[in-house]
Structures are given as C-alpha cells and as structure tokens.
C-alpha cells in the first residue's frame, strides 16, 4: 500500500479505483487490481 499526501493523481491511474473514507483516513481501493491500494497520510 502506498502512503501519499495527495491521492488525486493516484486515483486516475486505474478506472476501477474508488475513494473511500474509513476512520478519518482516506483510502483508494481497487478490487480488480489491488496493487493500486493507497492511503493518505
């Protein structure tokens, strides 16, 4: 999982990426290609 300050650029890398908020953190999850997982922080 990548940890980045800004997820906007990472979100565009794959069209299956979804932006999700969990417990105050912002995540990108991708069920079809889990290598695109990322967390903001």
PDB file of N, CA and C in Angstrom:
ATOM      1  N   UNK A   1       0.839  -1.184   0.000  1.00  0.00           N
ATOM      2  CA  UNK A   1       0.000   0.000   0.000  1.00  0.00           C
ATOM      3  C   UNK A   1       0.882   1.244   0.000  1.00  0.00           C
ATOM      4  N   UNK A   2       0.599   2.150  -0.917  1.00  0.00           N
ATOM      5  CA  UNK A   2       1.321   3.409  -0.952  1.00  0.00           C
ATOM      6  C   UNK A   2       0.704   4.382   0.053  1.00  0.00           C
ATOM      7  N   UNK A   3       1.544   5.208   0.657  1.00  0.00           N
ATOM      8  CA  UNK A   3       1.056   6.255   1.562  1.00  0.00           C
ATOM      9  C   UNK A   3       1.499   7.592   0.991  1.00  0.00           C
ATOM     10  N   UNK A   4       0.534   8.420   0.615  1.00  0.00           N
ATOM     11  CA  UNK A   4       0.821   9.678  -0.081  1.00  0.00           C
ATOM     12  C   UNK A   4       0.112  10.836   0.596  1.00  0.00           C
ATOM     13  N   UNK A   5       0.627  12.040   0.382  1.00  0.00           N
ATOM     14  CA  UNK A   5      -0.044  13.233   0.901  1.00  0.00           C
ATOM     15  C   UNK A   5      -1.284  13.559   0.101  1.00  0.00           C
ATOM     16  N   UNK A   6      -1.226  13.330  -1.200  1.00  0.00           N
ATOM     17  CA  UNK A   6      -2.370  13.635  -2.061  1.00  0.00           C
ATOM     18  C   UNK A   6      -2.671  12.421  -2.926  1.00  0.00           C
ATOM     19  N   UNK A   7      -3.951  12.070  -3.000  1.00  0.00           N
ATOM     20  CA  UNK A   7      -4.332  10.856  -3.736  1.00  0.00           C
ATOM     21  C   UNK A   7      -4.913  11.157  -5.111  1.00  0.00           C
ATOM     22  N   UNK A   8      -5.020  12.435  -5.451  1.00  0.00           N
ATOM     23  CA  UNK A   8      -5.714  12.798  -6.686  1.00  0.00           C
ATOM     24  C   UNK A   8      -5.055  12.169  -7.914  1.00  0.00           C
ATOM     25  N   UNK A   9      -3.730  12.214  -7.990  1.00  0.00           N
ATOM     26  CA  UNK A   9      -3.026  11.647  -9.143  1.00  0.00           C
ATOM     27  C   UNK A   9      -3.147  10.119  -9.147  1.00  0.00           C
ATOM     28  N   UNK A  10      -3.084   9.518  -7.958  1.00  0.00           N
ATOM     29  CA  UNK A  10      -3.155   8.048  -7.894  1.00  0.00           C
ATOM     30  C   UNK A  10      -4.535   7.538  -8.277  1.00  0.00           C
ATOM     31  N   UNK A  11      -5.541   8.358  -8.024  1.00  0.00           N
ATOM     32  CA  UNK A  11      -6.911   7.936  -8.319  1.00  0.00           C
ATOM     33  C   UNK A  11      -7.125   7.747  -9.810  1.00  0.00           C
ATOM     34  N   UNK A  12      -6.402   8.486 -10.623  1.00  0.00           N
ATOM     35  CA  UNK A  12      -6.597   8.428 -12.074  1.00  0.00           C
ATOM     36  C   UNK A  12      -5.827   7.294 -12.745  1.00  0.00           C
ATOM     37  N   UNK A  13      -5.032   6.549 -11.963  1.00  0.00           N
ATOM     38  CA  UNK A  13      -4.194   5.520 -12.579  1.00  0.00           C
ATOM     39  C   UNK A  13      -4.999   4.349 -13.123  1.00  0.00           C
ATOM     40  N   UNK A  14      -6.178   4.106 -12.543  1.00  0.00           N
ATOM     41  CA  UNK A  14      -6.985   2.971 -12.994  1.00  0.00           C
ATOM     42  C   UNK A  14      -8.454   3.342 -12.832  1.00  0.00           C
ATOM     43  N   UNK A  15      -9.290   2.904 -13.750  1.00  0.00           N
ATOM     44  CA  UNK A  15     -10.682   3.355 -13.681  1.00  0.00           C
ATOM     45  C   UNK A  15     -11.501   2.605 -12.643  1.00  0.00           C
ATOM     46  N   UNK A  16     -10.941   1.526 -12.069  1.00  0.00           N
ATOM     47  CA  UNK A  16     -11.645   0.809 -11.012  1.00  0.00           C
ATOM     48  C   UNK A  16     -11.319   1.330  -9.618  1.00  0.00           C
ATOM     49  N   UNK A  17     -10.463   2.353  -9.536  1.00  0.00           N
ATOM     50  CA  UNK A  17     -10.117   2.907  -8.232  1.00  0.00           C
ATOM     51  C   UNK A  17     -11.320   3.602  -7.610  1.00  0.00           C
ATOM     52  N   UNK A  18     -11.496   3.402  -6.319  1.00  0.00           N
ATOM     53  CA  UNK A  18     -12.579   4.046  -5.584  1.00  0.00           C
ATOM     54  C   UNK A  18     -11.986   4.759  -4.385  1.00  0.00           C
ATOM     55  N   UNK A  19     -12.472   5.985  -4.138  1.00  0.00           N
ATOM     56  CA  UNK A  19     -12.037   6.744  -2.976  1.00  0.00           C
ATOM     57  C   UNK A  19     -12.971   6.429  -1.812  1.00  0.00           C
ATOM     58  N   UNK A  20     -12.395   6.003  -0.675  1.00  0.00           N
ATOM     59  CA  UNK A  20     -13.179   5.576   0.471  1.00  0.00           C
ATOM     60  C   UNK A  20     -12.636   6.243   1.725  1.00  0.00           C
ATOM     61  N   UNK A  21     -13.544   6.710   2.602  1.00  0.00           N
ATOM     62  CA  UNK A  21     -13.124   7.254   3.895  1.00  0.00           C
ATOM     63  C   UNK A  21     -13.428   6.236   4.969  1.00  0.00           C
ATOM     64  N   UNK A  22     -12.401   5.889   5.759  1.00  0.00           N
ATOM     65  CA  UNK A  22     -12.576   4.951   6.869  1.00  0.00           C
ATOM     66  C   UNK A  22     -11.837   5.481   8.079  1.00  0.00           C
ATOM     67  N   UNK A  23     -12.553   5.651   9.183  1.00  0.00           N
ATOM     68  CA  UNK A  23     -11.951   6.067  10.454  1.00  0.00           C
ATOM     69  C   UNK A  23     -11.101   7.325  10.296  1.00  0.00           C
ATOM     70  N   UNK A  24     -11.604   8.280   9.505  1.00  0.00           N
ATOM     71  CA  UNK A  24     -10.897   9.548   9.346  1.00  0.00           C
ATOM     72  C   UNK A  24      -9.755   9.516   8.365  1.00  0.00           C
ATOM     73  N   UNK A  25      -9.480   8.389   7.755  1.00  0.00           N
ATOM     74  CA  UNK A  25      -8.416   8.297   6.753  1.00  0.00           C
ATOM     75  C   UNK A  25      -9.038   8.126   5.381  1.00  0.00           C
ATOM     76  N   UNK A  26      -8.296   8.548   4.370  1.00  0.00           N
ATOM     77  CA  UNK A  26      -8.794   8.455   3.001  1.00  0.00           C
ATOM     78  C   UNK A  26      -8.005   7.353   2.297  1.00  0.00           C
ATOM     79  N   UNK A  27      -8.730   6.427   1.684  1.00  0.00           N
ATOM     80  CA  UNK A  27      -8.103   5.289   1.014  1.00  0.00           C
ATOM     81  C   UNK A  27      -8.534   5.224  -0.440  1.00  0.00           C
ATOM     82  N   UNK A  28      -7.657   4.648  -1.274  1.00  0.00           N
ATOM     83  CA  UNK A  28      -8.061   4.208  -2.610  1.00  0.00           C
ATOM     84  C   UNK A  28      -8.078   2.693  -2.566  1.00  0.00           C
ATOM     85  N   UNK A  29      -9.210   2.109  -2.948  1.00  0.00           N
ATOM     86  CA  UNK A  29      -9.260   0.656  -3.036  1.00  0.00           C
ATOM     87  C   UNK A  29      -9.631   0.258  -4.455  1.00  0.00           C
ATOM     88  N   UNK A  30      -9.114  -0.891  -4.864  1.00  0.00           N
ATOM     89  CA  UNK A  30      -9.370  -1.384  -6.204  1.00  0.00           C
ATOM     90  C   UNK A  30      -9.474  -2.906  -6.116  1.00  0.00           C
ATOM     91  N   UNK A  31     -10.698  -3.405  -6.243  1.00  0.00           N
ATOM     92  CA  UNK A  31     -10.896  -4.851  -6.095  1.00  0.00           C
ATOM     93  C   UNK A  31     -10.245  -5.635  -7.223  1.00  0.00           C
ATOM     94  N   UNK A  32     -10.227  -5.069  -8.429  1.00  0.00           N
ATOM     95  CA  UNK A  32      -9.721  -5.822  -9.585  1.00  0.00           C
ATOM     96  C   UNK A  32      -8.203  -5.797  -9.667  1.00  0.00           C
ATOM     97  N   UNK A  33      -7.593  -4.714  -9.178  1.00  0.00           N
ATOM     98  CA  UNK A  33      -6.127  -4.611  -9.204  1.00  0.00           C
ATOM     99  C   UNK A  33      -5.656  -4.058  -7.863  1.00  0.00           C
ATOM    100  N   UNK A  34      -5.505  -4.926  -6.859  1.00  0.00           N
ATOM    101  CA  UNK A  34      -5.184  -4.461  -5.510  1.00  0.00           C
ATOM    102  C   UNK A  34      -3.844  -3.742  -5.404  1.00  0.00           C
ATOM    103  N   UNK A  35      -3.030  -3.792  -6.445  1.00  0.00           N
ATOM    104  CA  UNK A  35      -1.747  -3.087  -6.369  1.00  0.00           C
ATOM    105  C   UNK A  35      -1.916  -1.576  -6.341  1.00  0.00           C
ATOM    106  N   UNK A  36      -3.103  -1.081  -6.648  1.00  0.00           N
ATOM    107  CA  UNK A  36      -3.328   0.359  -6.620  1.00  0.00           C
ATOM    108  C   UNK A  36      -3.803   0.871  -5.265  1.00  0.00           C
ATOM    109  N   UNK A  37      -3.807  -0.009  -4.252  1.00  0.00           N
ATOM    110  CA  UNK A  37      -4.246   0.451  -2.933  1.00  0.00           C
ATOM    111  C   UNK A  37      -3.351   1.575  -2.432  1.00  0.00           C
ATOM    112  N   UNK A  38      -3.976   2.591  -1.805  1.00  0.00           N
ATOM    113  CA  UNK A  38      -3.210   3.694  -1.267  1.00  0.00           C
ATOM    114  C   UNK A  38      -3.949   4.303  -0.087  1.00  0.00           C
ATOM    115  N   UNK A  39      -3.159   4.998   0.757  1.00  0.00           N
ATOM    116  CA  UNK A  39      -3.723   5.673   1.905  1.00  0.00           C
ATOM    117  C   UNK A  39      -3.139   7.078   1.967  1.00  0.00           C
ATOM    118  N   UNK A  40      -3.970   8.034   2.369  1.00  0.00           N
ATOM    119  CA  UNK A  40      -3.484   9.394   2.523  1.00  0.00           C
ATOM    120  C   UNK A  40      -3.001   9.582   3.948  1.00  0.00           C
ATOM    121  N   UNK A  41      -1.833  10.245   4.091  1.00  0.00           N
ATOM    122  CA  UNK A  41      -1.334  10.457   5.446  1.00  0.00           C
ATOM    123  C   UNK A  41       0.036  11.046   5.501  1.00  0.00           C
TER     124      UNK A  41
END
